[in-house]
Amino acid sequence: MLVRGIMFEGWQPKLTPQTGLEFETRIADAMQETAEFRGPDDGRYVFDLLNERISRGEVEDMRACLPKEIRAYWAEP
């Protein structure tokens, strides 16, 4: 949900984060009202969950579409 909500719903290409800092800031802004939010690690946890739930090929395809700095948050499966 975190990835979908931040990266795809209402997606505007010119506003898509291109750096790690932009990515972290965008997540923090979206989650500021959530008491359980723990910072950038939560984004990594979402990517870890995706690695467990979808095929390796799909993960590799999606990672390849991300800017390099953002791809670094998503460990290879």
N, C-alpha and C. Protein backbone atom coordinates (compact mmCIF):
# COMPACT_ATOMS: atom_id res chain seq x y z
N MET A 1 0.82 -1.18 0.00
CA MET A 1 0.00 0.00 0.00
C MET A 1 0.87 1.25 0.00
N LEU A 2 1.93 1.24 0.77
CA LEU A 2 2.82 2.39 0.83
C LEU A 2 3.40 2.70 -0.54
N VAL A 3 3.91 1.68 -1.22
CA VAL A 3 4.50 1.90 -2.54
C VAL A 3 3.43 2.31 -3.53
N ARG A 4 2.31 1.61 -3.52
CA ARG A 4 1.24 1.93 -4.45
C ARG A 4 0.75 3.36 -4.25
N GLY A 5 0.49 3.72 -3.02
CA GLY A 5 -0.06 5.04 -2.73
C GLY A 5 0.88 6.18 -3.04
N ILE A 6 2.14 5.98 -2.80
CA ILE A 6 3.09 7.06 -3.01
C ILE A 6 3.59 7.09 -4.45
N MET A 7 3.80 5.95 -5.04
CA MET A 7 4.42 5.91 -6.35
C MET A 7 3.43 5.87 -7.52
N PHE A 8 2.20 5.39 -7.33
CA PHE A 8 1.34 5.18 -8.48
C PHE A 8 0.02 5.94 -8.46
N GLU A 9 -0.67 6.00 -7.35
CA GLU A 9 -1.96 6.68 -7.33
C GLU A 9 -1.74 8.18 -7.50
N GLY A 10 -2.39 8.74 -8.50
CA GLY A 10 -2.22 10.15 -8.76
C GLY A 10 -0.83 10.47 -9.30
N TRP A 11 -0.21 9.50 -9.91
CA TRP A 11 1.15 9.62 -10.40
C TRP A 11 1.27 10.73 -11.42
N GLN A 12 2.26 11.58 -11.21
CA GLN A 12 2.61 12.63 -12.16
C GLN A 12 4.10 12.50 -12.40
N PRO A 13 4.50 12.11 -13.61
CA PRO A 13 5.91 11.81 -13.87
C PRO A 13 6.88 12.91 -13.44
N LYS A 14 6.53 14.15 -13.66
CA LYS A 14 7.47 15.23 -13.31
C LYS A 14 7.65 15.37 -11.80
N LEU A 15 6.74 14.78 -11.01
CA LEU A 15 6.84 14.85 -9.56
C LEU A 15 7.37 13.57 -8.93
N THR A 16 7.75 12.60 -9.76
CA THR A 16 8.24 11.32 -9.26
C THR A 16 9.63 11.50 -8.64
N PRO A 17 9.83 11.00 -7.43
CA PRO A 17 11.15 11.12 -6.80
C PRO A 17 12.25 10.50 -7.67
N GLN A 18 13.37 11.18 -7.76
CA GLN A 18 14.49 10.69 -8.54
C GLN A 18 15.72 10.38 -7.68
N THR A 19 15.73 10.90 -6.47
CA THR A 19 16.87 10.65 -5.58
C THR A 19 16.38 9.96 -4.32
N GLY A 20 17.32 9.38 -3.59
CA GLY A 20 16.97 8.72 -2.33
C GLY A 20 16.35 9.70 -1.35
N LEU A 21 16.90 10.91 -1.29
CA LEU A 21 16.36 11.91 -0.36
C LEU A 21 14.94 12.31 -0.74
N GLU A 22 14.68 12.50 -2.03
CA GLU A 22 13.32 12.82 -2.47
C GLU A 22 12.36 11.69 -2.12
N PHE A 23 12.80 10.45 -2.29
CA PHE A 23 11.99 9.29 -1.98
C PHE A 23 11.66 9.25 -0.49
N GLU A 24 12.68 9.41 0.34
CA GLU A 24 12.47 9.41 1.80
C GLU A 24 11.54 10.55 2.23
N THR A 25 11.74 11.72 1.65
CA THR A 25 10.92 12.88 2.00
C THR A 25 9.47 12.65 1.60
N ARG A 26 9.26 12.09 0.44
CA ARG A 26 7.90 11.83 -0.04
C ARG A 26 7.18 10.84 0.88
N ILE A 27 7.88 9.80 1.29
CA ILE A 27 7.29 8.82 2.20
C ILE A 27 6.99 9.48 3.55
N ALA A 28 7.96 10.21 4.08
CA ALA A 28 7.78 10.87 5.38
C ALA A 28 6.59 11.84 5.35
N ASP A 29 6.46 12.59 4.26
CA ASP A 29 5.33 13.52 4.14
C ASP A 29 4.00 12.78 4.12
N ALA A 30 3.95 11.67 3.40
CA ALA A 30 2.71 10.90 3.30
C ALA A 30 2.35 10.20 4.61
N MET A 31 3.36 9.88 5.40
CA MET A 31 3.14 9.09 6.62
C MET A 31 3.19 9.91 7.90
N GLN A 32 3.27 11.21 7.80
CA GLN A 32 3.48 12.04 9.00
C GLN A 32 2.39 11.90 10.05
N GLU A 33 1.22 11.51 9.69
CA GLU A 33 0.12 11.36 10.64
C GLU A 33 0.06 9.95 11.23
N THR A 34 0.96 9.08 10.81
CA THR A 34 0.95 7.68 11.25
C THR A 34 1.93 7.49 12.40
N ALA A 35 1.40 7.20 13.56
CA ALA A 35 2.23 7.08 14.76
C ALA A 35 3.25 5.95 14.65
N GLU A 36 2.92 4.88 13.92
CA GLU A 36 3.81 3.72 13.82
C GLU A 36 4.94 3.91 12.82
N PHE A 37 4.93 4.98 12.06
CA PHE A 37 5.95 5.20 11.03
C PHE A 37 7.33 5.35 11.66
N ARG A 38 8.29 4.57 11.15
CA ARG A 38 9.64 4.56 11.72
C ARG A 38 10.69 5.13 10.79
N GLY A 39 10.29 5.76 9.73
CA GLY A 39 11.26 6.36 8.83
C GLY A 39 11.58 5.50 7.62
N PRO A 40 12.73 5.76 7.00
CA PRO A 40 13.09 5.09 5.74
C PRO A 40 13.09 3.57 5.82
N ASP A 41 13.34 3.02 6.99
CA ASP A 41 13.34 1.55 7.10
C ASP A 41 11.99 0.96 6.74
N ASP A 42 10.91 1.69 6.98
CA ASP A 42 9.58 1.17 6.63
C ASP A 42 9.47 0.93 5.13
N GLY A 43 10.03 1.82 4.34
CA GLY A 43 10.04 1.61 2.89
C GLY A 43 10.80 0.35 2.51
N ARG A 44 11.92 0.12 3.17
CA ARG A 44 12.69 -1.10 2.91
C ARG A 44 11.90 -2.35 3.31
N TYR A 45 11.15 -2.26 4.40
CA TYR A 45 10.34 -3.40 4.84
C TYR A 45 9.27 -3.74 3.80
N VAL A 46 8.71 -2.71 3.17
CA VAL A 46 7.72 -2.94 2.11
C VAL A 46 8.38 -3.67 0.95
N PHE A 47 9.56 -3.22 0.56
CA PHE A 47 10.26 -3.89 -0.53
C PHE A 47 10.62 -5.33 -0.16
N ASP A 48 11.01 -5.57 1.08
CA ASP A 48 11.30 -6.94 1.53
C ASP A 48 10.05 -7.82 1.42
N LEU A 49 8.91 -7.26 1.78
CA LEU A 49 7.66 -8.01 1.67
C LEU A 49 7.35 -8.34 0.22
N LEU A 50 7.57 -7.38 -0.68
CA LEU A 50 7.34 -7.65 -2.10
C LEU A 50 8.27 -8.75 -2.59
N ASN A 51 9.52 -8.76 -2.12
CA ASN A 51 10.45 -9.83 -2.52
C ASN A 51 9.91 -11.20 -2.12
N GLU A 52 9.22 -11.27 -1.00
CA GLU A 52 8.67 -12.54 -0.52
C GLU A 52 7.40 -12.95 -1.25
N ARG A 53 6.65 -11.98 -1.75
CA ARG A 53 5.31 -12.26 -2.28
C ARG A 53 5.21 -12.37 -3.79
N ILE A 54 6.17 -11.81 -4.52
CA ILE A 54 6.07 -11.85 -5.98
C ILE A 54 7.31 -12.54 -6.55
N SER A 55 7.20 -12.95 -7.80
CA SER A 55 8.29 -13.72 -8.41
C SER A 55 9.56 -12.89 -8.57
N ARG A 56 10.67 -13.58 -8.59
CA ARG A 56 11.97 -12.94 -8.75
C ARG A 56 12.00 -12.11 -10.04
N GLY A 57 11.46 -12.66 -11.12
CA GLY A 57 11.45 -11.95 -12.40
C GLY A 57 10.68 -10.64 -12.33
N GLU A 58 9.53 -10.67 -11.66
CA GLU A 58 8.74 -9.45 -11.51
C GLU A 58 9.48 -8.41 -10.68
N VAL A 59 10.12 -8.86 -9.61
CA VAL A 59 10.90 -7.94 -8.77
C VAL A 59 12.01 -7.31 -9.59
N GLU A 60 12.73 -8.13 -10.34
CA GLU A 60 13.84 -7.61 -11.15
C GLU A 60 13.34 -6.61 -12.18
N ASP A 61 12.19 -6.88 -12.81
CA ASP A 61 11.61 -5.95 -13.78
C ASP A 61 11.25 -4.62 -13.13
N MET A 62 10.61 -4.70 -11.96
CA MET A 62 10.20 -3.46 -11.28
C MET A 62 11.40 -2.67 -10.79
N ARG A 63 12.38 -3.36 -10.22
CA ARG A 63 13.59 -2.67 -9.75
C ARG A 63 14.29 -1.96 -10.89
N ALA A 64 14.31 -2.60 -12.06
CA ALA A 64 14.99 -2.02 -13.22
C ALA A 64 14.35 -0.71 -13.67
N CYS A 65 13.08 -0.51 -13.35
CA CYS A 65 12.37 0.71 -13.74
C CYS A 65 12.62 1.88 -12.79
N LEU A 66 13.20 1.61 -11.64
CA LEU A 66 13.41 2.65 -10.64
C LEU A 66 14.72 3.39 -10.88
N PRO A 67 14.77 4.67 -10.52
CA PRO A 67 16.05 5.37 -10.55
C PRO A 67 17.05 4.66 -9.63
N LYS A 68 18.32 4.72 -9.97
CA LYS A 68 19.36 3.97 -9.25
C LYS A 68 19.35 4.24 -7.75
N GLU A 69 19.19 5.49 -7.33
CA GLU A 69 19.22 5.80 -5.89
C GLU A 69 18.04 5.19 -5.15
N ILE A 70 16.90 5.11 -5.81
CA ILE A 70 15.72 4.52 -5.17
C ILE A 70 15.82 3.00 -5.21
N ARG A 71 16.36 2.47 -6.30
CA ARG A 71 16.56 1.02 -6.41
C ARG A 71 17.43 0.50 -5.27
N ALA A 72 18.31 1.31 -4.75
CA ALA A 72 19.18 0.90 -3.66
C ALA A 72 18.40 0.55 -2.38
N TYR A 73 17.19 1.07 -2.23
CA TYR A 73 16.36 0.76 -1.07
C TYR A 73 15.76 -0.64 -1.17
N TRP A 74 15.69 -1.18 -2.39
CA TRP A 74 15.03 -2.45 -2.64
C TRP A 74 16.10 -3.51 -2.90
N ALA A 75 16.34 -4.35 -1.92
CA ALA A 75 17.35 -5.41 -2.05
C ALA A 75 16.97 -6.38 -3.16
N GLU A 76 17.99 -6.91 -3.82
CA GLU A 76 17.73 -7.92 -4.83
C GLU A 76 17.11 -9.15 -4.16
N PRO A 77 16.20 -9.82 -4.88
CA PRO A 77 15.56 -11.01 -4.28
C PRO A 77 16.53 -12.16 -4.12
